[in-house]
C-alpha atoms as a PDB file:
ATOM      1  CA  MET A   1      -4.255 -11.858  13.820  1.00  0.00           C
ATOM      2  CA  ILE A   2      -3.959 -13.447  10.358  1.00  0.00           C
ATOM      3  CA  TYR A   3      -1.506 -10.726   9.283  1.00  0.00           C
ATOM      4  CA  SER A   4       0.776 -11.410  12.238  1.00  0.00           C
ATOM      5  CA  LEU A   5       0.711 -15.153  11.470  1.00  0.00           C
ATOM      6  CA  LEU A   6       1.615 -14.459   7.848  1.00  0.00           C
ATOM      7  CA  ASP A   7       4.446 -12.181   9.043  1.00  0.00           C
ATOM      8  CA  GLU A   8       5.642 -14.985  11.295  1.00  0.00           C
ATOM      9  CA  LEU A   9       5.679 -17.407   8.330  1.00  0.00           C
ATOM     10  CA  ASP A  10       7.617 -14.859   6.312  1.00  0.00           C
ATOM     11  CA  ASP A  11      10.169 -14.478   9.151  1.00  0.00           C
ATOM     12  CA  ILE A  12      10.629 -18.246   9.395  1.00  0.00           C
ATOM     13  CA  LEU A  13      11.275 -18.496   5.653  1.00  0.00           C
ATOM     14  CA  GLU A  14      13.691 -15.552   5.724  1.00  0.00           C
ATOM     15  CA  GLU A  15      15.639 -16.990   8.677  1.00  0.00           C
ATOM     16  CA  SER A  16      15.740 -20.587   7.427  1.00  0.00           C
ATOM     17  CA  LYS A  17      19.065 -22.135   6.512  1.00  0.00           C
ATOM     18  CA  ALA A  18      19.742 -23.199   2.966  1.00  0.00           C
ATOM     19  CA  VAL A  19      20.250 -26.898   2.253  1.00  0.00           C
ATOM     20  CA  PRO A  20      23.737 -27.236   0.746  1.00  0.00           C
ATOM     21  CA  PHE A  21      23.922 -27.916  -2.980  1.00  0.00           C
ATOM     22  CA  SER A  22      20.199 -27.411  -3.560  1.00  0.00           C
ATOM     23  CA  ASN A  23      17.728 -24.612  -3.992  1.00  0.00           C
ATOM     24  CA  LYS A  24      15.840 -25.662  -0.884  1.00  0.00           C
ATOM     25  CA  ILE A  25      15.707 -24.399   2.683  1.00  0.00           C
ATOM     26  CA  SER A  26      15.243 -26.245   5.948  1.00  0.00           C
ATOM     27  CA  VAL A  27      12.232 -25.246   8.058  1.00  0.00           C
ATOM     28  CA  SER A  28      10.533 -26.714  11.106  1.00  0.00           C
ATOM     29  CA  ARG A  29       7.520 -28.666   9.893  1.00  0.00           C
ATOM     30  CA  GLU A  30       5.953 -28.431  13.359  1.00  0.00           C
ATOM     31  CA  GLN A  31       6.384 -24.646  13.501  1.00  0.00           C
ATOM     32  CA  ILE A  32       4.880 -24.147  10.027  1.00  0.00           C
ATOM     33  CA  SER A  33       2.019 -26.561  10.810  1.00  0.00           C
ATOM     34  CA  GLU A  34       1.169 -24.679  14.019  1.00  0.00           C
ATOM     35  CA  ILE A  35       1.025 -21.354  12.170  1.00  0.00           C
ATOM     36  CA  LEU A  36      -1.108 -22.801   9.365  1.00  0.00           C
ATOM     37  CA  GLU A  37      -3.498 -24.259  11.963  1.00  0.00           C
ATOM     38  CA  GLU A  38      -3.777 -20.823  13.636  1.00  0.00           C
ATOM     39  CA  ILE A  39      -4.609 -19.282  10.244  1.00  0.00           C
ATOM     40  CA  ARG A  40      -7.245 -21.955   9.610  1.00  0.00           C
ATOM     41  CA  LEU A  41      -8.769 -21.324  13.024  1.00  0.00           C
ATOM     42  CA  ASN A  42      -8.887 -17.546  12.483  1.00  0.00           C
ATOM     43  CA  ILE A  43     -10.379 -17.514   8.990  1.00  0.00           C
ATOM     44  CA  PRO A  44     -13.678 -19.023  10.196  1.00  0.00           C
ATOM     45  CA  SER A  45     -13.901 -16.259  12.831  1.00  0.00           C
ATOM     46  CA  VAL A  46     -13.881 -13.651  10.041  1.00  0.00           C
ATOM     47  CA  VAL A  47     -16.616 -15.583   8.262  1.00  0.00           C
ATOM     48  CA  LYS A  48     -18.586 -15.929  11.541  1.00  0.00           C
ATOM     49  CA  GLN A  49     -18.233 -12.187  12.137  1.00  0.00           C
ATOM     50  CA  SER A  50     -19.619 -11.515   8.663  1.00  0.00           C
ATOM     51  CA  GLN A  51     -22.549 -13.862   9.406  1.00  0.00           C
ATOM     52  CA  ARG A  52     -23.249 -12.071  12.705  1.00  0.00           C
ATOM     53  CA  ILE A  53     -23.291  -8.766  10.850  1.00  0.00           C
ATOM     54  CA  ALA A  54     -25.696 -10.163   8.258  1.00  0.00           C
ATOM     55  CA  ASP A  55     -27.905 -11.614  11.013  1.00  0.00           C
ATOM     56  CA  ASN A  56     -27.879  -8.269  12.803  1.00  0.00           C
ATOM     57  CA  ALA A  57     -28.928  -6.535   9.589  1.00  0.00           C
ATOM     58  CA  GLU A  58     -31.850  -8.953   9.262  1.00  0.00           C
ATOM     59  CA  LYS A  59     -32.833  -8.187  12.851  1.00  0.00           C
ATOM     60  CA  ILE A  60     -32.738  -4.435  12.151  1.00  0.00           C
ATOM     61  CA  ILE A  61     -34.868  -4.921   9.038  1.00  0.00           C
ATOM     62  CA  GLU A  62     -37.347  -7.059  10.979  1.00  0.00           C
ATOM     63  CA  GLU A  63     -37.532  -4.494  13.783  1.00  0.00           C
ATOM     64  CA  ALA A  64     -38.148  -1.733  11.228  1.00  0.00           C
ATOM     65  CA  ARG A  65     -40.860  -3.835   9.584  1.00  0.00           C
ATOM     66  CA  GLN A  66     -42.475  -4.536  12.971  1.00  0.00           C
ATOM     67  CA  LYS A  67     -42.292  -0.869  13.985  1.00  0.00           C
ATOM     68  CA  GLY A  68     -43.923   0.110  10.698  1.00  0.00           C
ATOM     69  CA  GLN A  69     -46.695  -2.430  11.239  1.00  0.00           C
ATOM     70  CA  ASP A  70     -47.224  -1.169  14.790  1.00  0.00           C
ATOM     71  CA  ILE A  71     -47.487   2.404  13.535  1.00  0.00           C
ATOM     72  CA  ILE A  72     -49.926   1.348  10.836  1.00  0.00           C
ATOM     73  CA  LYS A  73     -51.999  -0.628  13.354  1.00  0.00           C
ATOM     74  CA  GLU A  74     -52.020   2.337  15.735  1.00  0.00           C
ATOM     75  CA  ALA A  75     -53.102   4.640  12.912  1.00  0.00           C
ATOM     76  CA  GLU A  76     -55.934   2.299  11.948  1.00  0.00           C
ATOM     77  CA  GLU A  77     -57.102   2.051  15.555  1.00  0.00           C
ATOM     78  CA  THR A  78     -56.997   5.816  15.900  1.00  0.00           C
ATOM     79  CA  ALA A  79     -58.987   6.163  12.707  1.00  0.00           C
ATOM     80  CA  GLU A  80     -61.667   3.757  13.950  1.00  0.00           C
ATOM     81  CA  ARG A  81     -61.998   5.615  17.279  1.00  0.00           C
ATOM     82  CA  LEU A  82     -62.345   9.011  15.625  1.00  0.00           C
ATOM     83  CA  ALA A  83     -64.829   7.770  13.048  1.00  0.00           C
ATOM     84  CA  SER A  84     -67.652   7.534  15.585  1.00  0.00           C
ATOM     85  CA  GLU A  85     -68.898  11.109  15.057  1.00  0.00           C
ATOM     86  CA  HIS A  86     -69.759  12.577  11.657  1.00  0.00           C
ATOM     87  CA  GLU A  87     -67.903  15.917  11.933  1.00  0.00           C
ATOM     88  CA  ILE A  88     -64.912  14.266  13.548  1.00  0.00           C
ATOM     89  CA  THR A  89     -65.024  11.422  11.051  1.00  0.00           C
ATOM     90  CA  LYS A  90     -63.768  13.565   8.195  1.00  0.00           C
ATOM     91  CA  ARG A  91     -60.818  14.910  10.215  1.00  0.00           C
ATOM     92  CA  ALA A  92     -60.114  11.467  11.595  1.00  0.00           C
ATOM     93  CA  LYS A  93     -59.864   9.951   8.142  1.00  0.00           C
ATOM     94  CA  GLU A  94     -57.527  12.712   6.994  1.00  0.00           C
ATOM     95  CA  GLN A  95     -55.379  12.295  10.093  1.00  0.00           C
ATOM     96  CA  ALA A  96     -55.403   8.534   9.753  1.00  0.00           C
ATOM     97  CA  GLU A  97     -54.338   8.740   6.131  1.00  0.00           C
ATOM     98  CA  THR A  98     -51.567  11.152   7.027  1.00  0.00           C
ATOM     99  CA  ILE A  99     -50.415   8.940   9.891  1.00  0.00           C
ATOM    100  CA  LEU A 100     -50.648   5.884   7.661  1.00  0.00           C
ATOM    101  CA  GLU A 101     -48.609   7.540   4.900  1.00  0.00           C
ATOM    102  CA  ASP A 102     -46.082   8.787   7.454  1.00  0.00           C
ATOM    103  CA  ALA A 103     -45.865   5.306   8.947  1.00  0.00           C
ATOM    104  CA  LYS A 104     -45.316   3.747   5.534  1.00  0.00           C
ATOM    105  CA  ALA A 105     -42.683   6.368   4.683  1.00  0.00           C
ATOM    106  CA  THR A 106     -40.952   5.816   8.033  1.00  0.00           C
ATOM    107  CA  ALA A 107     -41.022   2.057   7.537  1.00  0.00           C
ATOM    108  CA  ARG A 108     -39.531   2.446   4.035  1.00  0.00           C
ATOM    109  CA  GLU A 109     -36.816   4.762   5.366  1.00  0.00           C
ATOM    110  CA  LEU A 110     -35.975   2.413   8.251  1.00  0.00           C
ATOM    111  CA  ARG A 111     -35.823  -0.576   5.924  1.00  0.00           C
ATOM    112  CA  SER A 112     -33.721   1.328   3.387  1.00  0.00           C
ATOM    113  CA  GLY A 113     -31.363   2.520   6.120  1.00  0.00           C
ATOM    114  CA  ALA A 114     -31.039  -0.983   7.532  1.00  0.00           C
ATOM    115  CA  ILE A 115     -30.246  -2.400   4.095  1.00  0.00           C
ATOM    116  CA  GLU A 116     -27.631   0.306   3.469  1.00  0.00           C
ATOM    117  CA  TYR A 117     -26.099  -0.347   6.882  1.00  0.00           C
ATOM    118  CA  ALA A 118     -25.959  -4.100   6.308  1.00  0.00           C
ATOM    119  CA  ASP A 119     -24.474  -3.568   2.834  1.00  0.00           C
ATOM    120  CA  SER A 120     -21.834  -1.249   4.272  1.00  0.00           C
ATOM    121  CA  ILE A 121     -20.835  -3.768   6.953  1.00  0.00           C
ATOM    122  CA  LEU A 122     -20.730  -6.629   4.457  1.00  0.00           C
ATOM    123  CA  SER A 123     -18.727  -4.471   2.046  1.00  0.00           C
ATOM    124  CA  ASP A 124     -16.193  -3.748   4.807  1.00  0.00           C
ATOM    125  CA  ALA A 125     -15.942  -7.452   5.632  1.00  0.00           C
ATOM    126  CA  GLU A 126     -15.476  -8.280   1.932  1.00  0.00           C
ATOM    127  CA  GLN A 127     -12.764  -5.625   1.595  1.00  0.00           C
ATOM    128  CA  THR A 128     -10.985  -6.968   4.683  1.00  0.00           C
ATOM    129  CA  LEU A 129     -10.955 -10.454   3.185  1.00  0.00           C
ATOM    130  CA  ARG A 130      -9.711  -9.116  -0.158  1.00  0.00           C
ATOM    131  CA  ASP A 131      -6.994  -7.083   1.604  1.00  0.00           C
ATOM    132  CA  SER A 132      -5.942 -10.204   3.511  1.00  0.00           C
ATOM    133  CA  LEU A 133      -5.735 -12.110   0.242  1.00  0.00           C
ATOM    134  CA  ASP A 134      -3.633  -9.326  -1.331  1.00  0.00           C
ATOM    135  CA  VAL A 135      -1.224  -9.323   1.635  1.00  0.00           C
ATOM    136  CA  TYR A 136      -0.940 -13.094   1.479  1.00  0.00           C
ATOM    137  CA  SER A 137      -0.262 -12.956  -2.288  1.00  0.00           C
ATOM    138  CA  GLN A 138       2.382 -10.259  -1.842  1.00  0.00           C
ATOM    139  CA  GLN A 139       4.103 -12.223   0.889  1.00  0.00           C
ATOM    140  CA  ALA A 140       3.988 -15.390  -1.200  1.00  0.00           C
ATOM    141  CA  ASN A 141       5.568 -13.477  -4.104  1.00  0.00           C
ATOM    142  CA  GLY A 142       8.255 -12.196  -1.722  1.00  0.00           C
ATOM    143  CA  VAL A 143       9.047 -15.740  -0.638  1.00  0.00           C
ATOM    144  CA  GLU A 144       9.179 -16.868  -4.273  1.00  0.00           C
ATOM    145  CA  ASP A 145      11.584 -14.021  -5.162  1.00  0.00           C
ATOM    146  CA  PHE A 146      13.766 -14.835  -2.151  1.00  0.00           C
ATOM    147  CA  LEU A 147      13.937 -18.525  -3.036  1.00  0.00           C
ATOM    148  CA  SER A 148      14.698 -17.716  -6.678  1.00  0.00           C
ATOM    149  CA  ARG A 149      17.603 -15.442  -5.647  1.00  0.00           C
ATOM    150  CA  GLU A 150      18.926 -18.114  -3.312  1.00  0.00           C
ATOM    151  CA  ALA A 151      18.727 -20.711  -6.104  1.00  0.00           C
ATOM    152  CA  ASP A 152      20.646 -18.357  -8.433  1.00  0.00           C
ATOM    153  CA  ILE A 153      23.356 -17.896  -5.793  1.00  0.00           C
ATOM    154  CA  LEU A 154      23.658 -21.629  -5.312  1.00  0.00           C
ATOM    155  CA  TYR A 155      23.875 -22.135  -9.081  1.00  0.00           C
ATOM    156  CA  GLU A 156      26.666 -19.552  -9.332  1.00  0.00           C
ATOM    157  CA  ASN A 157      28.496 -21.179  -6.392  1.00  0.00           C
ATOM    158  CA  ARG A 158      28.268 -24.580  -8.066  1.00  0.00           C
ATOM    159  CA  LYS A 159      29.513 -23.129 -11.339  1.00  0.00           C
ATOM    160  CA  GLU A 160      32.444 -21.492  -9.558  1.00  0.00           C
ATOM    161  CA  LEU A 161      33.170 -24.719  -7.679  1.00  0.00           C
ATOM    162  CA  ARG A 162      33.234 -26.734 -10.927  1.00  0.00           C
ATOM    163  CA  SER A 163      35.521 -24.256 -12.654  1.00  0.00           C
ATOM    164  CA  THR A 164      37.878 -24.276  -9.640  1.00  0.00           C
ATOM    165  CA  GLY A 165      37.870 -28.079  -9.627  1.00  0.00           C
ATOM    166  CA  LYS A 166      38.774 -28.254 -13.347  1.00  0.00           C
ATOM    167  CA  GLY A 167      41.651 -25.785 -12.819  1.00  0.00           C
ATOM    168  CA  ASN A 168      43.101 -27.883  -9.983  1.00  0.00           C
ATOM    169  CA  ALA A 169      42.754 -31.089 -12.034  1.00  0.00           C
ATOM    170  CA  GLU A 170      44.785 -29.519 -14.889  1.00  0.00           C
ATOM    171  CA  GLU A 171      47.504 -28.328 -12.455  1.00  0.00           C
ATOM    172  CA  ASP A 172      47.853 -31.852 -11.064  1.00  0.00           C
ATOM    173  CA  LYS A 173      48.695 -33.241 -14.529  1.00  0.00           C
END
């Protein structure tokens, strides 16, 4: 959306008429203002989208943490139940430790995966913003080059006009 608005601005500048005897162009203030307002309205949506992604990452991390705690709690409860008999107690402790270690490993993996996912999404959002900035800068440079060329043409036209005017003044004498 922002790219199309920037393209529209570029088109307006390209199609604008030059103001005679100056290096300026005439554009519709209302049209430019509307496009700038659209850009302002769309930039916060990109920021909001990035915030939603970050919030979602926090939710995933919290869910992973909760799942890990549930697994640990379940392992502890299982260990307590199995500990009632002596022969079974030894196996129960071993199983409980294994389950507990597995639960901790799973929780670490889930948390690590969630962090990597969130980082990836935020990295993509950052790159999109940087790409948008690059496009905007390129288009601004294009407008600057266009205006500079137009100013050079106007300068040459003025120079030619002055030299023609001096020639006519000498012929009249």
